[in-house]
Structures are given as C-alpha cells and as structure tokens.
Amino acid sequence: MISPMHSLEMECQELEKAGVIAEPVAAQAAALERGTIFSVFEELRFALYAAVAAITAGIGLLVKDNLDRLGPITLVAVLALAAAGCYATALRTRWQGKERSIGGDYLLLLGALIVSADLGYAESQFHWLGTEWQWYLLTLAAFHGATAYGLRSRLVLCTSIAALAAWFGIEGRAATLFNVGGSAVRLGTHAIVCAGTLLVWRAANRRLGGPDSFESVFENFAANIGFWGALALCLTPGARLLGLGLLAALAAASVFKALRGGEEIFTVYGTAYVALTLCCLEAQVIKYGLAVLLLELATVIAGALLLWSFHRNAAARA
C-alpha cells in the first residue's frame, strides 16, 4: 500500500520518457502529486460558453414575452444598449493596452450575438431590405469581421464566418442533405464556394499581416464547410461522382496537412467525414436489411482503426 507521503512524480516522468503517456498528461499528473495548481482553462472556457448560450437564449425569451408590452423600437434600443455595454468593456481594455481576459472574450462574444439578434429582429419587424433581407447577413458578417480584427477576437471572427455561411445559404439541418432535389445540390455548391472564400480570406489575412491566430479559425471552418458540401453532393445521384471526387481531394488535403503540421484534428475531419459519407451511400444503395448494417459497422470500425493508426504515428513522431 502506498503511504500518504509517497509521491508518484518519478513514475510519471519515467512513463513519459518511455513514451507511454504524453508530456501534458505527465505534467498534469506530476502537478497533482505535488499539490500544485493545474490548469482548468478548458473547463472554464466551456462554462463561459455555456453561460453565453444561456444568456442568449434568455434574451430570445425576453424578446418573445415582452414584444407586445414594450414594442419593437424599445426592444431594439434595449438590445443595442446591452450590446454596447459588452463592446465598451473590450474597447476600454484595448485602449488601456491590457490583455483581455477569457471572461472579457466571452463578454465580447455575447455582445456580438446580441447585435446579430437585434439586427435580425429589427429586420423582421421593419423589413428595411424587403425581399432582399438576406443581405443583412452579409452586413453582419462584415461588421463582425471588422470588430474581430479591431479587437483581435477569434470568437467574434467565428460569428462573422457563421453569418457569411448563412448568407451563402448553408443550413445545418441534416434533412437538407437527404433531399435528392435541387436544394441538396445548391447546398453542396454553395458550401464549396463558401469554403473557397474562407481560404481566400485566410490567404489575404496572411499576406496583409493579419493575426496568425486567425488562420486556424479559417482552416477549421473551411474544412468542415467543404466536407459538408461534398457530403451533400455525394448524396445527390446526379452529382455523386463530383461529390466523391471533392470528398477524396478534401480528405487527402486534410490528412496531408495533419501529417505535415501535426494538427491531428484534420485527420479526424478526413476520416470521419469519409466514413459518414460512405455509411450514407451504403444506406442509399443497399436500402434496408442486415447487409447494410454490417457494412456500415465495418466502415465505422475501419475509420476508427485508421484514426488510431494516425494517432499512434503522431505520438511516435512526437
């Protein structure tokens, strides 16, 4: 039995040297053994994101419940003031030359989401753009993009890209993918164009000296949106060959990027989206029965083994 005074720090270091555990895991275990402070950054970030989501949902319910009593103009003004308060905190931090805290980042994100909700609500009430209402999404994308660069915020950049994707007509509903009509083809082509636009934006960001931290945001969004578009085309009989070609190209590019740059998440994209597409195609071609279930199970297992192989090779190189 290990005595209360015995420390396993040496054992953790030996396991790290032997390659059994990675350096971050060994460092965290050693910190726990010493009783020193260890990072809860990821947990804090998740808690703050959940708080922002809850507040945003609460604002939506507030607007719904008080519309008749307050009127649209008052609600638009109140939401604008709330967003201004969130932005004011970030602006003050920047003018003082201080680094914004993680709480400040999420407060700024809350402000951006309030602006999006406010503008969308105002457009639904006053119809300033008439039948061209979708252009307010491009306006939001431009506003959030300018704010992201002005305040160096990756989170606000994400809202800008989300608004841009919405302007392209990209929907996150799974039912759209299985519509064999024209909507799935439009979704696929628009998603591919959107992904290409993000890659051009990333190239411009690099050439014009934009924040290096923004590049990973562009790359991850472009990869997911591009794969989503390829999947939509693969599930459309008339565009299936084009979709399979794009899927293969995107998967190869993702795996190559992961192997060259050590970004393991791109191996997940390249493997998971291919496995998902193959499962969907197998269900379309074979229809129902035990055969399709067994084939899909084999596809999932093969994808998992491939991911495990990539992870093992990456750990060996590290």
Protein backbone atom coordinates (compact mmCIF):
# COMPACT_ATOMS: atom_id res chain seq x y z
CA MET A 1 0.00 0.00 0.00
CA ILE A 2 1.31 3.46 -0.92
CA SER A 3 1.80 5.72 2.06
CA PRO A 4 0.24 9.20 2.08
CA MET A 5 3.71 10.77 1.88
CA HIS A 6 4.79 8.75 -1.16
CA SER A 7 4.80 10.65 -4.47
CA LEU A 8 4.34 9.13 -7.89
CA GLU A 9 6.05 12.03 -9.67
CA MET A 10 9.13 9.96 -10.57
CA GLU A 11 6.94 7.22 -12.00
CA CYS A 12 5.11 9.79 -14.15
CA GLN A 13 8.43 11.06 -15.50
CA GLU A 14 9.56 7.52 -16.29
CA LEU A 15 6.31 6.78 -18.13
CA GLU A 16 6.76 9.96 -20.15
CA LYS A 17 10.34 9.03 -21.11
CA ALA A 18 9.16 5.57 -22.12
CA GLY A 19 6.54 7.12 -24.38
CA VAL A 20 3.63 5.57 -22.53
CA ILE A 21 1.99 8.91 -21.73
CA ALA A 22 2.29 12.30 -23.41
CA GLU A 23 4.13 15.25 -21.84
CA PRO A 24 0.97 17.31 -20.98
CA VAL A 25 -0.57 14.30 -19.21
CA ALA A 26 2.64 13.64 -17.29
CA ALA A 27 2.95 17.29 -16.29
CA GLN A 28 -0.62 17.40 -15.04
CA ALA A 29 -0.20 14.17 -13.07
CA ALA A 30 3.04 15.46 -11.52
CA ALA A 31 1.33 18.72 -10.58
CA LEU A 32 -1.43 16.78 -8.85
CA GLU A 33 1.12 14.72 -6.95
CA ARG A 34 2.92 17.86 -5.79
CA GLY A 35 -0.35 19.54 -4.87
CA THR A 36 0.39 22.50 -7.13
CA ILE A 37 -2.12 24.40 -9.23
CA PHE A 38 -3.09 22.81 -12.54
CA SER A 39 -4.91 24.37 -15.48
CA VAL A 40 -8.70 24.41 -15.64
CA PHE A 41 -8.68 26.57 -18.78
CA GLU A 42 -10.76 24.18 -20.90
CA GLU A 43 -13.33 23.72 -18.13
CA LEU A 44 -13.56 27.47 -17.62
CA ARG A 45 -13.96 28.08 -21.33
CA PHE A 46 -16.76 25.52 -21.53
CA ALA A 47 -18.51 27.10 -18.54
CA LEU A 48 -18.25 30.57 -20.09
CA TYR A 49 -19.55 29.32 -23.43
CA ALA A 50 -22.49 27.66 -21.68
CA ALA A 51 -23.17 30.90 -19.82
CA VAL A 52 -23.16 32.91 -23.06
CA ALA A 53 -25.50 30.37 -24.69
CA ALA A 54 -27.86 30.52 -21.71
CA ILE A 55 -27.89 34.32 -21.67
CA THR A 56 -28.52 34.45 -25.42
CA ALA A 57 -31.43 32.02 -25.07
CA GLY A 58 -32.78 34.10 -22.19
CA ILE A 59 -32.63 37.24 -24.32
CA GLY A 60 -34.64 35.45 -27.01
CA LEU A 61 -37.31 34.50 -24.48
CA LEU A 62 -37.31 38.06 -23.12
CA VAL A 63 -37.93 39.47 -26.58
CA LYS A 64 -40.71 36.97 -27.22
CA ASP A 65 -42.51 37.56 -23.92
CA ASN A 66 -42.28 41.36 -23.88
CA LEU A 67 -42.83 42.24 -27.52
CA ASP A 68 -46.44 43.35 -27.16
CA ARG A 69 -45.81 45.32 -23.99
CA LEU A 70 -42.64 47.19 -24.95
CA GLY A 71 -42.92 47.47 -28.71
CA PRO A 72 -40.24 46.77 -31.35
CA ILE A 73 -38.46 50.14 -31.17
CA THR A 74 -37.93 49.88 -27.42
CA LEU A 75 -36.68 46.31 -27.67
CA VAL A 76 -34.26 47.20 -30.46
CA ALA A 77 -32.91 50.09 -28.38
CA VAL A 78 -32.54 47.96 -25.23
CA LEU A 79 -30.69 45.23 -27.09
CA ALA A 80 -28.43 47.82 -28.73
CA LEU A 81 -27.56 49.29 -25.33
CA ALA A 82 -26.79 45.83 -23.93
CA ALA A 83 -24.50 45.08 -26.87
CA ALA A 84 -22.81 48.48 -26.50
CA GLY A 85 -22.05 47.66 -22.86
CA CYS A 86 -20.35 44.42 -23.87
CA TYR A 87 -18.29 46.15 -26.56
CA ALA A 88 -17.39 49.03 -24.23
CA THR A 89 -15.59 46.66 -21.84
CA ALA A 90 -13.44 45.26 -24.66
CA LEU A 91 -12.73 48.72 -26.05
CA ARG A 92 -11.66 50.04 -22.66
CA THR A 93 -9.29 47.10 -22.18
CA ARG A 94 -7.74 47.71 -25.59
CA TRP A 95 -7.34 51.47 -25.04
CA GLN A 96 -5.61 50.77 -21.73
CA GLY A 97 -3.16 48.48 -23.52
CA LYS A 98 -4.10 45.47 -21.40
CA GLU A 99 -4.63 41.90 -22.46
CA ARG A 100 -8.26 40.86 -22.50
CA SER A 101 -9.15 38.05 -20.10
CA ILE A 102 -11.01 34.92 -21.16
CA GLY A 103 -14.09 36.33 -19.43
CA GLY A 104 -13.72 39.50 -21.49
CA ASP A 105 -13.52 37.40 -24.66
CA TYR A 106 -16.81 35.73 -23.94
CA LEU A 107 -18.42 39.00 -22.90
CA LEU A 108 -17.41 40.36 -26.30
CA LEU A 109 -18.89 37.26 -27.93
CA LEU A 110 -22.12 37.89 -26.06
CA GLY A 111 -22.18 41.43 -27.44
CA ALA A 112 -21.70 40.12 -30.98
CA LEU A 113 -24.55 37.64 -30.56
CA ILE A 114 -26.82 40.36 -29.19
CA VAL A 115 -26.01 42.53 -32.22
CA SER A 116 -26.92 39.63 -34.51
CA ALA A 117 -30.20 39.02 -32.67
CA ASP A 118 -31.00 42.74 -32.58
CA LEU A 119 -30.41 43.32 -36.27
CA GLY A 120 -32.30 40.16 -37.21
CA TYR A 121 -35.24 41.17 -35.04
CA ALA A 122 -35.26 44.71 -36.44
CA GLU A 123 -35.25 43.38 -40.00
CA SER A 124 -38.14 41.02 -39.23
CA GLN A 125 -40.18 43.90 -37.80
CA PHE A 126 -39.41 46.80 -40.16
CA HIS A 127 -38.44 44.96 -43.38
CA TRP A 128 -35.86 47.58 -44.33
CA LEU A 129 -34.44 45.37 -47.10
CA GLY A 130 -37.75 43.95 -48.30
CA THR A 131 -37.33 40.77 -50.32
CA GLU A 132 -33.54 41.20 -50.19
CA TRP A 133 -33.50 40.55 -46.44
CA GLN A 134 -30.63 38.05 -46.76
CA TRP A 135 -28.21 40.94 -47.33
CA TYR A 136 -28.41 41.76 -43.65
CA LEU A 137 -26.42 38.54 -43.10
CA LEU A 138 -23.62 39.91 -45.26
CA THR A 139 -23.80 43.16 -43.30
CA LEU A 140 -23.44 41.19 -40.08
CA ALA A 141 -20.50 39.24 -41.49
CA ALA A 142 -18.74 42.49 -42.43
CA PHE A 143 -19.46 44.13 -39.07
CA HIS A 144 -18.31 41.14 -37.04
CA GLY A 145 -15.26 40.73 -39.26
CA ALA A 146 -14.23 44.36 -38.74
CA THR A 147 -14.81 44.00 -34.99
CA ALA A 148 -12.79 40.77 -34.87
CA TYR A 149 -9.80 42.47 -36.48
CA GLY A 150 -10.17 45.66 -34.49
CA LEU A 151 -10.32 43.82 -31.16
CA ARG A 152 -8.27 40.73 -32.14
CA SER A 153 -11.04 38.29 -31.23
CA ARG A 154 -11.19 34.78 -32.65
CA LEU A 155 -14.63 34.24 -31.13
CA VAL A 156 -16.11 37.24 -32.93
CA LEU A 157 -14.41 36.05 -36.11
CA CYS A 158 -16.37 32.81 -35.72
CA THR A 159 -19.64 34.79 -35.64
CA SER A 160 -18.56 36.62 -38.78
CA ILE A 161 -17.88 33.36 -40.60
CA ALA A 162 -21.18 31.90 -39.37
CA ALA A 163 -23.05 34.91 -40.77
CA LEU A 164 -21.16 34.58 -44.06
CA ALA A 165 -22.05 30.88 -44.28
CA ALA A 166 -25.70 31.73 -43.62
CA TRP A 167 -25.56 34.33 -46.42
CA PHE A 168 -24.32 31.58 -48.74
CA GLY A 169 -27.44 29.63 -47.77
CA ILE A 170 -25.68 26.89 -45.84
CA GLU A 171 -28.02 25.19 -43.41
CA GLY A 172 -27.01 22.88 -40.59
CA ARG A 173 -30.11 20.70 -40.87
CA ALA A 174 -29.44 17.05 -41.66
CA ALA A 175 -32.77 16.78 -43.53
CA THR A 176 -31.43 19.10 -46.25
CA LEU A 177 -28.68 16.61 -47.07
CA PHE A 178 -31.14 13.84 -47.81
CA ASN A 179 -33.28 15.94 -50.15
CA VAL A 180 -32.44 14.49 -53.54
CA GLY A 181 -33.87 17.52 -55.28
CA GLY A 182 -32.17 20.76 -56.15
CA SER A 183 -31.76 22.01 -52.58
CA ALA A 184 -29.04 19.46 -51.76
CA VAL A 185 -27.11 20.41 -54.91
CA ARG A 186 -27.40 24.10 -54.05
CA LEU A 187 -26.24 23.39 -50.51
CA GLY A 188 -23.25 21.45 -51.81
CA THR A 189 -22.13 24.01 -54.37
CA HIS A 190 -22.69 26.95 -52.03
CA ALA A 191 -20.73 25.19 -49.28
CA ILE A 192 -17.79 24.54 -51.60
CA VAL A 193 -17.81 28.17 -52.75
CA CYS A 194 -18.02 29.34 -49.13
CA ALA A 195 -15.08 27.12 -48.15
CA GLY A 196 -13.07 28.53 -51.05
CA THR A 197 -13.95 32.06 -49.96
CA LEU A 198 -12.65 31.33 -46.47
CA LEU A 199 -9.37 30.02 -47.90
CA VAL A 200 -9.00 33.20 -49.96
CA TRP A 201 -9.73 35.21 -46.80
CA ARG A 202 -7.05 33.24 -44.97
CA ALA A 203 -4.54 33.93 -47.74
CA ALA A 204 -5.38 37.65 -47.61
CA ASN A 205 -5.05 37.61 -43.82
CA ARG A 206 -1.58 36.11 -44.13
CA ARG A 207 -0.44 38.43 -46.91
CA LEU A 208 -1.72 41.59 -45.23
CA GLY A 209 -0.22 40.76 -41.85
CA GLY A 210 -3.39 39.79 -40.00
CA PRO A 211 -3.32 37.89 -36.70
CA ASP A 212 -1.68 34.48 -37.00
CA SER A 213 -4.22 33.06 -34.55
CA PHE A 214 -6.99 33.67 -37.11
CA GLU A 215 -5.57 31.17 -39.60
CA SER A 216 -6.67 28.10 -37.66
CA VAL A 217 -10.21 29.52 -37.48
CA PHE A 218 -10.35 29.91 -41.27
CA GLU A 219 -8.87 26.45 -41.84
CA ASN A 220 -11.21 24.61 -39.47
CA PHE A 221 -14.33 26.36 -40.78
CA ALA A 222 -13.24 25.83 -44.40
CA ALA A 223 -12.62 22.14 -43.79
CA ASN A 224 -15.96 21.48 -42.11
CA ILE A 225 -18.00 23.53 -44.58
CA GLY A 226 -16.16 21.99 -47.53
CA PHE A 227 -16.74 18.45 -46.28
CA TRP A 228 -20.39 19.30 -45.60
CA GLY A 229 -20.74 20.43 -49.21
CA ALA A 230 -19.02 17.35 -50.58
CA LEU A 231 -21.30 15.16 -48.50
CA ALA A 232 -24.38 16.93 -49.88
CA LEU A 233 -23.17 16.35 -53.46
CA CYS A 234 -22.33 12.70 -52.76
CA LEU A 235 -25.90 12.08 -51.63
CA THR A 236 -27.33 13.57 -54.84
CA PRO A 237 -27.43 10.94 -57.65
CA GLY A 238 -26.75 13.42 -60.46
CA ALA A 239 -23.74 14.94 -58.69
CA ARG A 240 -22.41 11.87 -56.90
CA LEU A 241 -19.20 11.46 -58.91
CA LEU A 242 -18.33 15.13 -58.47
CA GLY A 243 -19.02 14.85 -54.75
CA LEU A 244 -16.86 11.75 -54.39
CA GLY A 245 -14.01 13.46 -56.22
CA LEU A 246 -14.24 16.52 -53.98
CA LEU A 247 -14.51 14.33 -50.88
CA ALA A 248 -11.38 12.40 -51.83
CA ALA A 249 -9.46 15.62 -52.53
CA LEU A 250 -10.54 17.22 -49.25
CA ALA A 251 -9.71 14.07 -47.26
CA ALA A 252 -6.25 13.83 -48.84
CA ALA A 253 -5.58 17.52 -48.19
CA SER A 254 -6.73 17.23 -44.57
CA VAL A 255 -4.59 14.17 -43.84
CA PHE A 256 -1.59 15.75 -45.57
CA LYS A 257 -1.99 18.91 -43.51
CA ALA A 258 -2.25 16.86 -40.32
CA LEU A 259 0.86 14.82 -41.12
CA ARG A 260 2.87 17.88 -42.14
CA GLY A 261 1.77 20.27 -39.41
CA GLY A 262 0.93 17.90 -36.57
CA GLU A 263 -2.69 19.13 -36.38
CA GLU A 264 -4.40 15.88 -35.51
CA ILE A 265 -7.90 17.34 -35.76
CA PHE A 266 -7.60 17.33 -39.56
CA THR A 267 -7.11 13.57 -39.58
CA VAL A 268 -10.39 13.39 -37.68
CA TYR A 269 -12.06 15.52 -40.37
CA GLY A 270 -10.59 13.49 -43.23
CA THR A 271 -11.51 10.14 -41.70
CA ALA A 272 -14.84 10.91 -40.01
CA TYR A 273 -16.43 12.69 -42.97
CA VAL A 274 -15.37 9.94 -45.38
CA ALA A 275 -16.78 7.28 -43.05
CA LEU A 276 -20.03 9.24 -42.63
CA THR A 277 -20.39 9.68 -46.40
CA LEU A 278 -19.74 6.00 -47.08
CA CYS A 279 -22.32 4.99 -44.47
CA CYS A 280 -24.91 7.28 -46.05
CA LEU A 281 -24.14 5.99 -49.55
CA GLU A 282 -24.33 2.39 -48.37
CA ALA A 283 -27.77 3.08 -46.91
CA GLN A 284 -28.88 4.68 -50.20
CA VAL A 285 -27.60 1.89 -52.43
CA ILE A 286 -28.39 -1.19 -50.37
CA LYS A 287 -31.50 0.30 -48.76
CA TYR A 288 -32.52 -1.74 -45.72
CA GLY A 289 -31.55 -5.01 -44.13
CA LEU A 290 -28.82 -6.70 -42.19
CA ALA A 291 -26.30 -6.32 -45.01
CA VAL A 292 -26.25 -2.52 -44.84
CA LEU A 293 -25.96 -2.59 -41.04
CA LEU A 294 -22.96 -4.92 -41.20
CA LEU A 295 -21.35 -2.87 -43.96
CA GLU A 296 -21.83 0.36 -42.04
CA LEU A 297 -20.41 -1.25 -38.90
CA ALA A 298 -17.36 -2.37 -40.88
CA THR A 299 -16.97 1.17 -42.25
CA VAL A 300 -17.09 2.71 -38.77
CA ILE A 301 -14.59 0.19 -37.41
CA ALA A 302 -12.24 0.80 -40.34
CA GLY A 303 -12.45 4.55 -39.77
CA ALA A 304 -11.75 4.12 -36.05
CA LEU A 305 -8.74 1.90 -36.77
CA LEU A 306 -7.43 4.39 -39.28
CA LEU A 307 -7.75 7.22 -36.75
CA TRP A 308 -6.00 5.12 -34.13
CA SER A 309 -3.16 4.43 -36.58
CA PHE A 310 -2.78 8.15 -37.34
CA HIS A 311 -2.76 8.97 -33.64
CA ARG A 312 -0.17 6.29 -32.89
CA ASN A 313 2.13 7.51 -35.65
CA ALA A 314 1.77 11.12 -34.48
CA ALA A 315 2.61 10.11 -30.90
CA ALA A 316 5.65 8.17 -32.13
CA ARG A 317 6.97 11.18 -34.06
CA ALA A 318 6.42 13.44 -31.05
